[in-house]
All heavy atoms as atom14 arrays in JSON, in Angstrom:
{
  "sequence": "IGMSGAGKSTLVRCINYLEKPTGGKIIFD",
  "atom14_mask": [
    [1, 1, 1, 1, 1, 1, 1, 1, 0, 0, 0, 0, 0, 0],
    [1, 1, 1, 1, 0, 0, 0, 0, 0, 0, 0, 0, 0, 0],
    [1, 1, 1, 1, 1, 1, 1, 1, 0, 0, 0, 0, 0, 0],
    [1, 1, 1, 1, 1, 1, 0, 0, 0, 0, 0, 0, 0, 0],
    [1, 1, 1, 1, 0, 0, 0, 0, 0, 0, 0, 0, 0, 0],
    [1, 1, 1, 1, 1, 0, 0, 0, 0, 0, 0, 0, 0, 0],
    [1, 1, 1, 1, 0, 0, 0, 0, 0, 0, 0, 0, 0, 0],
    [1, 1, 1, 1, 1, 1, 1, 1, 1, 0, 0, 0, 0, 0],
    [1, 1, 1, 1, 1, 1, 0, 0, 0, 0, 0, 0, 0, 0],
    [1, 1, 1, 1, 1, 1, 1, 0, 0, 0, 0, 0, 0, 0],
    [1, 1, 1, 1, 1, 1, 1, 1, 0, 0, 0, 0, 0, 0],
    [1, 1, 1, 1, 1, 1, 1, 0, 0, 0, 0, 0, 0, 0],
    [1, 1, 1, 1, 1, 1, 1, 1, 1, 1, 1, 0, 0, 0],
    [1, 1, 1, 1, 1, 1, 0, 0, 0, 0, 0, 0, 0, 0],
    [1, 1, 1, 1, 1, 1, 1, 1, 0, 0, 0, 0, 0, 0],
    [1, 1, 1, 1, 1, 1, 1, 1, 0, 0, 0, 0, 0, 0],
    [1, 1, 1, 1, 1, 1, 1, 1, 1, 1, 1, 1, 0, 0],
    [1, 1, 1, 1, 1, 1, 1, 1, 0, 0, 0, 0, 0, 0],
    [1, 1, 1, 1, 1, 1, 1, 1, 1, 0, 0, 0, 0, 0],
    [1, 1, 1, 1, 1, 1, 1, 1, 1, 0, 0, 0, 0, 0],
    [1, 1, 1, 1, 1, 1, 1, 0, 0, 0, 0, 0, 0, 0],
    [1, 1, 1, 1, 1, 1, 1, 0, 0, 0, 0, 0, 0, 0],
    [1, 1, 1, 1, 0, 0, 0, 0, 0, 0, 0, 0, 0, 0],
    [1, 1, 1, 1, 0, 0, 0, 0, 0, 0, 0, 0, 0, 0],
    [1, 1, 1, 1, 1, 1, 1, 1, 1, 0, 0, 0, 0, 0],
    [1, 1, 1, 1, 1, 1, 1, 1, 0, 0, 0, 0, 0, 0],
    [1, 1, 1, 1, 1, 1, 1, 1, 0, 0, 0, 0, 0, 0],
    [1, 1, 1, 1, 1, 1, 1, 1, 1, 1, 1, 0, 0, 0],
    [1, 1, 1, 1, 1, 1, 1, 1, 0, 0, 0, 0, 0, 0]
  ],
  "atom14_positions": [
    [[25.1, -10.83, 22.09], [25.68, -9.54, 21.73], [25.31, -9.17, 20.31], [25.2, -10.02, 19.43], [27.22, -9.56, 21.91], [27.81, -8.17, 21.73], [27.88, -10.56, 20.98], [29.29, -8.07, 22.11], [0.0, 0.0, 0.0], [0.0, 0.0, 0.0], [0.0, 0.0, 0.0], [0.0, 0.0, 0.0], [0.0, 0.0, 0.0], [0.0, 0.0, 0.0]],
    [[25.09, -7.89, 20.11], [24.79, -7.37, 18.78], [24.73, -5.86, 18.85], [24.6, -5.27, 19.92], [0.0, 0.0, 0.0], [0.0, 0.0, 0.0], [0.0, 0.0, 0.0], [0.0, 0.0, 0.0], [0.0, 0.0, 0.0], [0.0, 0.0, 0.0], [0.0, 0.0, 0.0], [0.0, 0.0, 0.0], [0.0, 0.0, 0.0], [0.0, 0.0, 0.0]],
    [[24.83, -5.23, 17.7], [24.76, -3.78, 17.66], [23.31, -3.34, 17.82], [22.38, -4.16, 17.8], [25.33, -3.25, 16.34], [26.75, -3.72, 16.05], [27.9, -3.51, 17.45], [28.03, -1.72, 17.49], [0.0, 0.0, 0.0], [0.0, 0.0, 0.0], [0.0, 0.0, 0.0], [0.0, 0.0, 0.0], [0.0, 0.0, 0.0], [0.0, 0.0, 0.0]],
    [[23.09, -2.04, 17.99], [21.73, -1.51, 18.15], [20.87, -1.91, 16.96], [21.31, -1.81, 15.81], [21.77, 0.02, 18.28], [22.46, 0.4, 19.44], [0.0, 0.0, 0.0], [0.0, 0.0, 0.0], [0.0, 0.0, 0.0], [0.0, 0.0, 0.0], [0.0, 0.0, 0.0], [0.0, 0.0, 0.0], [0.0, 0.0, 0.0], [0.0, 0.0, 0.0]],
    [[19.66, -2.37, 17.25], [18.74, -2.79, 16.19], [18.92, -4.21, 15.73], [18.22, -4.67, 14.82], [0.0, 0.0, 0.0], [0.0, 0.0, 0.0], [0.0, 0.0, 0.0], [0.0, 0.0, 0.0], [0.0, 0.0, 0.0], [0.0, 0.0, 0.0], [0.0, 0.0, 0.0], [0.0, 0.0, 0.0], [0.0, 0.0, 0.0], [0.0, 0.0, 0.0]],
    [[19.82, -4.96, 16.37], [20.07, -6.35, 15.96], [18.92, -7.28, 16.32], [18.77, -8.35, 15.75], [21.37, -6.86, 16.58], [0.0, 0.0, 0.0], [0.0, 0.0, 0.0], [0.0, 0.0, 0.0], [0.0, 0.0, 0.0], [0.0, 0.0, 0.0], [0.0, 0.0, 0.0], [0.0, 0.0, 0.0], [0.0, 0.0, 0.0], [0.0, 0.0, 0.0]],
    [[18.12, -6.9, 17.35], [17.01, -7.74, 17.78], [17.23, -8.42, 19.1], [16.4, -9.19, 19.57], [0.0, 0.0, 0.0], [0.0, 0.0, 0.0], [0.0, 0.0, 0.0], [0.0, 0.0, 0.0], [0.0, 0.0, 0.0], [0.0, 0.0, 0.0], [0.0, 0.0, 0.0], [0.0, 0.0, 0.0], [0.0, 0.0, 0.0], [0.0, 0.0, 0.0]],
    [[18.35, -8.1, 19.77], [18.69, -8.83, 21.0], [17.73, -8.54, 22.16], [17.39, -9.44, 22.92], [20.14, -8.56, 21.4], [20.5, -7.11, 21.59], [22.0, -6.92, 21.71], [22.34, -5.47, 22.04], [21.94, -4.55, 20.95], [0.0, 0.0, 0.0], [0.0, 0.0, 0.0], [0.0, 0.0, 0.0], [0.0, 0.0, 0.0], [0.0, 0.0, 0.0]],
    [[17.28, -7.28, 22.29], [16.34, -6.96, 23.38], [14.98, -7.59, 23.13], [14.31, -8.03, 24.07], [16.21, -5.44, 23.54], [17.4, -4.91, 24.09], [0.0, 0.0, 0.0], [0.0, 0.0, 0.0], [0.0, 0.0, 0.0], [0.0, 0.0, 0.0], [0.0, 0.0, 0.0], [0.0, 0.0, 0.0], [0.0, 0.0, 0.0], [0.0, 0.0, 0.0]],
    [[14.57, -7.64, 21.87], [13.33, -8.35, 21.55], [13.46, -9.82, 21.88], [12.53, -10.45, 22.4], [12.98, -8.16, 20.05], [12.84, -6.77, 19.78], [11.69, -8.89, 19.7], [0.0, 0.0, 0.0], [0.0, 0.0, 0.0], [0.0, 0.0, 0.0], [0.0, 0.0, 0.0], [0.0, 0.0, 0.0], [0.0, 0.0, 0.0], [0.0, 0.0, 0.0]],
    [[14.63, -10.38, 21.61], [14.86, -11.8, 21.91], [14.69, -12.08, 23.4], [14.03, -13.05, 23.8], [16.25, -12.22, 21.44], [16.7, -13.63, 21.78], [15.72, -14.67, 21.22], [18.11, -13.9, 21.26], [0.0, 0.0, 0.0], [0.0, 0.0, 0.0], [0.0, 0.0, 0.0], [0.0, 0.0, 0.0], [0.0, 0.0, 0.0], [0.0, 0.0, 0.0]],
    [[15.28, -11.24, 24.25], [15.19, -11.5, 25.69], [13.76, -11.34, 26.18], [13.31, -12.04, 27.09], [16.18, -10.6, 26.49], [15.69, -9.18, 26.61], [16.41, -11.18, 27.88], [0.0, 0.0, 0.0], [0.0, 0.0, 0.0], [0.0, 0.0, 0.0], [0.0, 0.0, 0.0], [0.0, 0.0, 0.0], [0.0, 0.0, 0.0], [0.0, 0.0, 0.0]],
    [[12.99, -10.44, 25.56], [11.59, -10.26, 25.95], [10.72, -11.42, 25.45], [9.68, -11.69, 26.03], [11.07, -8.93, 25.43], [11.66, -7.72, 26.15], [11.27, -6.41, 25.49], [9.84, -6.17, 25.6], [9.25, -5.62, 26.66], [9.98, -5.27, 27.71], [7.96, -5.42, 26.67], [0.0, 0.0, 0.0], [0.0, 0.0, 0.0], [0.0, 0.0, 0.0]],
    [[11.18, -12.09, 24.41], [10.48, -13.31, 23.97], [10.8, -14.48, 24.91], [9.95, -15.35, 25.11], [10.88, -13.67, 22.54], [10.14, -12.63, 21.26], [0.0, 0.0, 0.0], [0.0, 0.0, 0.0], [0.0, 0.0, 0.0], [0.0, 0.0, 0.0], [0.0, 0.0, 0.0], [0.0, 0.0, 0.0], [0.0, 0.0, 0.0], [0.0, 0.0, 0.0]],
    [[12.01, -14.5, 25.47], [12.39, -15.6, 26.35], [11.44, -15.7, 27.54], [11.05, -16.8, 27.94], [13.86, -15.44, 26.82], [14.82, -15.72, 25.65], [14.18, -16.39, 27.98], [16.28, -15.46, 25.96], [0.0, 0.0, 0.0], [0.0, 0.0, 0.0], [0.0, 0.0, 0.0], [0.0, 0.0, 0.0], [0.0, 0.0, 0.0], [0.0, 0.0, 0.0]],
    [[11.06, -14.54, 28.11], [10.13, -14.6, 29.24], [8.68, -14.27, 28.85], [7.83, -14.04, 29.71], [10.6, -13.69, 30.38], [10.64, -12.23, 29.99], [10.19, -11.83, 28.92], [11.21, -11.41, 30.86], [0.0, 0.0, 0.0], [0.0, 0.0, 0.0], [0.0, 0.0, 0.0], [0.0, 0.0, 0.0], [0.0, 0.0, 0.0], [0.0, 0.0, 0.0]],
    [[8.44, -14.26, 27.53], [7.1, -14.07, 26.98], [6.47, -12.72, 27.33], [5.25, -12.57, 27.33], [6.18, -15.22, 27.39], [5.91, -16.18, 26.24], [6.96, -16.85, 25.61], [4.63, -16.4, 25.76], [6.74, -17.72, 24.56], [4.39, -17.26, 24.7], [5.45, -17.91, 24.11], [5.22, -18.76, 23.04], [0.0, 0.0, 0.0], [0.0, 0.0, 0.0]],
    [[7.33, -11.71, 27.6], [6.8, -10.35, 27.63], [6.41, -9.94, 26.22], [5.53, -9.11, 26.02], [7.85, -9.39, 28.2], [8.1, -9.49, 29.71], [9.22, -8.55, 30.13], [6.84, -9.22, 30.52], [0.0, 0.0, 0.0], [0.0, 0.0, 0.0], [0.0, 0.0, 0.0], [0.0, 0.0, 0.0], [0.0, 0.0, 0.0], [0.0, 0.0, 0.0]],
    [[7.09, -10.52, 25.24], [6.68, -10.44, 23.84], [6.34, -11.85, 23.38], [7.14, -12.77, 23.57], [7.8, -9.88, 22.95], [8.12, -8.42, 23.15], [7.08, -7.48, 22.57], [6.14, -7.97, 21.91], [7.23, -6.26, 22.78], [0.0, 0.0, 0.0], [0.0, 0.0, 0.0], [0.0, 0.0, 0.0], [0.0, 0.0, 0.0], [0.0, 0.0, 0.0]],
    [[5.18, -12.02, 22.81], [4.79, -13.34, 22.32], [5.4, -13.57, 20.95], [5.21, -12.77, 20.03], [3.27, -13.45, 22.25], [2.79, -14.86, 21.93], [1.27, -14.95, 21.99], [0.81, -16.37, 21.67], [-0.67, -16.48, 21.71], [0.0, 0.0, 0.0], [0.0, 0.0, 0.0], [0.0, 0.0, 0.0], [0.0, 0.0, 0.0], [0.0, 0.0, 0.0]],
    [[6.17, -14.65, 20.78], [6.78, -14.92, 19.47], [5.73, -15.09, 18.38], [4.61, -15.56, 18.63], [7.54, -16.23, 19.71], [7.76, -16.29, 21.19], [6.56, -15.63, 21.8], [0.0, 0.0, 0.0], [0.0, 0.0, 0.0], [0.0, 0.0, 0.0], [0.0, 0.0, 0.0], [0.0, 0.0, 0.0], [0.0, 0.0, 0.0], [0.0, 0.0, 0.0]],
    [[6.11, -14.73, 17.16], [5.24, -14.96, 16.0], [5.26, -16.42, 15.6], [4.26, -16.98, 15.16], [5.71, -14.08, 14.82], [5.77, -12.72, 15.24], [4.75, -14.2, 13.64], [0.0, 0.0, 0.0], [0.0, 0.0, 0.0], [0.0, 0.0, 0.0], [0.0, 0.0, 0.0], [0.0, 0.0, 0.0], [0.0, 0.0, 0.0], [0.0, 0.0, 0.0]],
    [[6.41, -17.06, 15.78], [6.55, -18.48, 15.46], [7.68, -19.09, 16.25], [8.51, -18.4, 16.85], [0.0, 0.0, 0.0], [0.0, 0.0, 0.0], [0.0, 0.0, 0.0], [0.0, 0.0, 0.0], [0.0, 0.0, 0.0], [0.0, 0.0, 0.0], [0.0, 0.0, 0.0], [0.0, 0.0, 0.0], [0.0, 0.0, 0.0], [0.0, 0.0, 0.0]],
    [[7.72, -20.42, 16.29], [8.76, -21.12, 17.02], [8.41, -21.33, 18.49], [7.3, -21.02, 18.93], [0.0, 0.0, 0.0], [0.0, 0.0, 0.0], [0.0, 0.0, 0.0], [0.0, 0.0, 0.0], [0.0, 0.0, 0.0], [0.0, 0.0, 0.0], [0.0, 0.0, 0.0], [0.0, 0.0, 0.0], [0.0, 0.0, 0.0], [0.0, 0.0, 0.0]],
    [[9.36, -21.87, 19.25], [9.1, -22.23, 20.65], [10.17, -21.68, 21.58], [11.35, -21.6, 21.22], [9.07, -23.75, 20.8], [7.89, -24.45, 20.15], [7.96, -25.95, 20.41], [6.77, -26.67, 19.8], [6.83, -28.13, 20.08], [0.0, 0.0, 0.0], [0.0, 0.0, 0.0], [0.0, 0.0, 0.0], [0.0, 0.0, 0.0], [0.0, 0.0, 0.0]],
    [[9.73, -21.35, 22.79], [10.63, -21.1, 23.92], [10.33, -22.19, 24.94], [9.21, -22.29, 25.46], [10.39, -19.72, 24.56], [10.55, -18.59, 23.55], [11.31, -19.54, 25.77], [11.95, -18.32, 23.13], [0.0, 0.0, 0.0], [0.0, 0.0, 0.0], [0.0, 0.0, 0.0], [0.0, 0.0, 0.0], [0.0, 0.0, 0.0], [0.0, 0.0, 0.0]],
    [[11.32, -23.01, 25.22], [11.16, -24.08, 26.22], [12.02, -23.71, 27.42], [13.25, -23.63, 27.32], [11.54, -25.45, 25.65], [10.63, -25.78, 24.46], [11.44, -26.54, 26.72], [11.04, -27.0, 23.67], [0.0, 0.0, 0.0], [0.0, 0.0, 0.0], [0.0, 0.0, 0.0], [0.0, 0.0, 0.0], [0.0, 0.0, 0.0], [0.0, 0.0, 0.0]],
    [[11.37, -23.46, 28.55], [12.07, -23.06, 29.76], [11.94, -24.16, 30.81], [10.84, -24.51, 31.21], [11.49, -21.75, 30.32], [12.13, -21.33, 31.62], [13.37, -20.72, 31.63], [11.51, -21.57, 32.84], [13.97, -20.34, 32.82], [12.09, -21.21, 34.03], [13.32, -20.58, 34.02], [0.0, 0.0, 0.0], [0.0, 0.0, 0.0], [0.0, 0.0, 0.0]],
    [[13.07, -24.69, 31.19], [13.11, -25.76, 32.21], [12.13, -26.88, 31.88], [11.42, -27.39, 32.74], [12.81, -25.17, 33.59], [13.37, -26.02, 34.72], [14.29, -26.82, 34.47], [12.87, -25.89, 35.86], [0.0, 0.0, 0.0], [0.0, 0.0, 0.0], [0.0, 0.0, 0.0], [0.0, 0.0, 0.0], [0.0, 0.0, 0.0], [0.0, 0.0, 0.0]]
  ]
}
């Protein structure tokens, strides 16, 4: 949860790699 512009929608798009992260890791299963 976060207000508009907090980055939450970008975060969910990074989770499934619709957006490629600039750094760090997403480990799925």
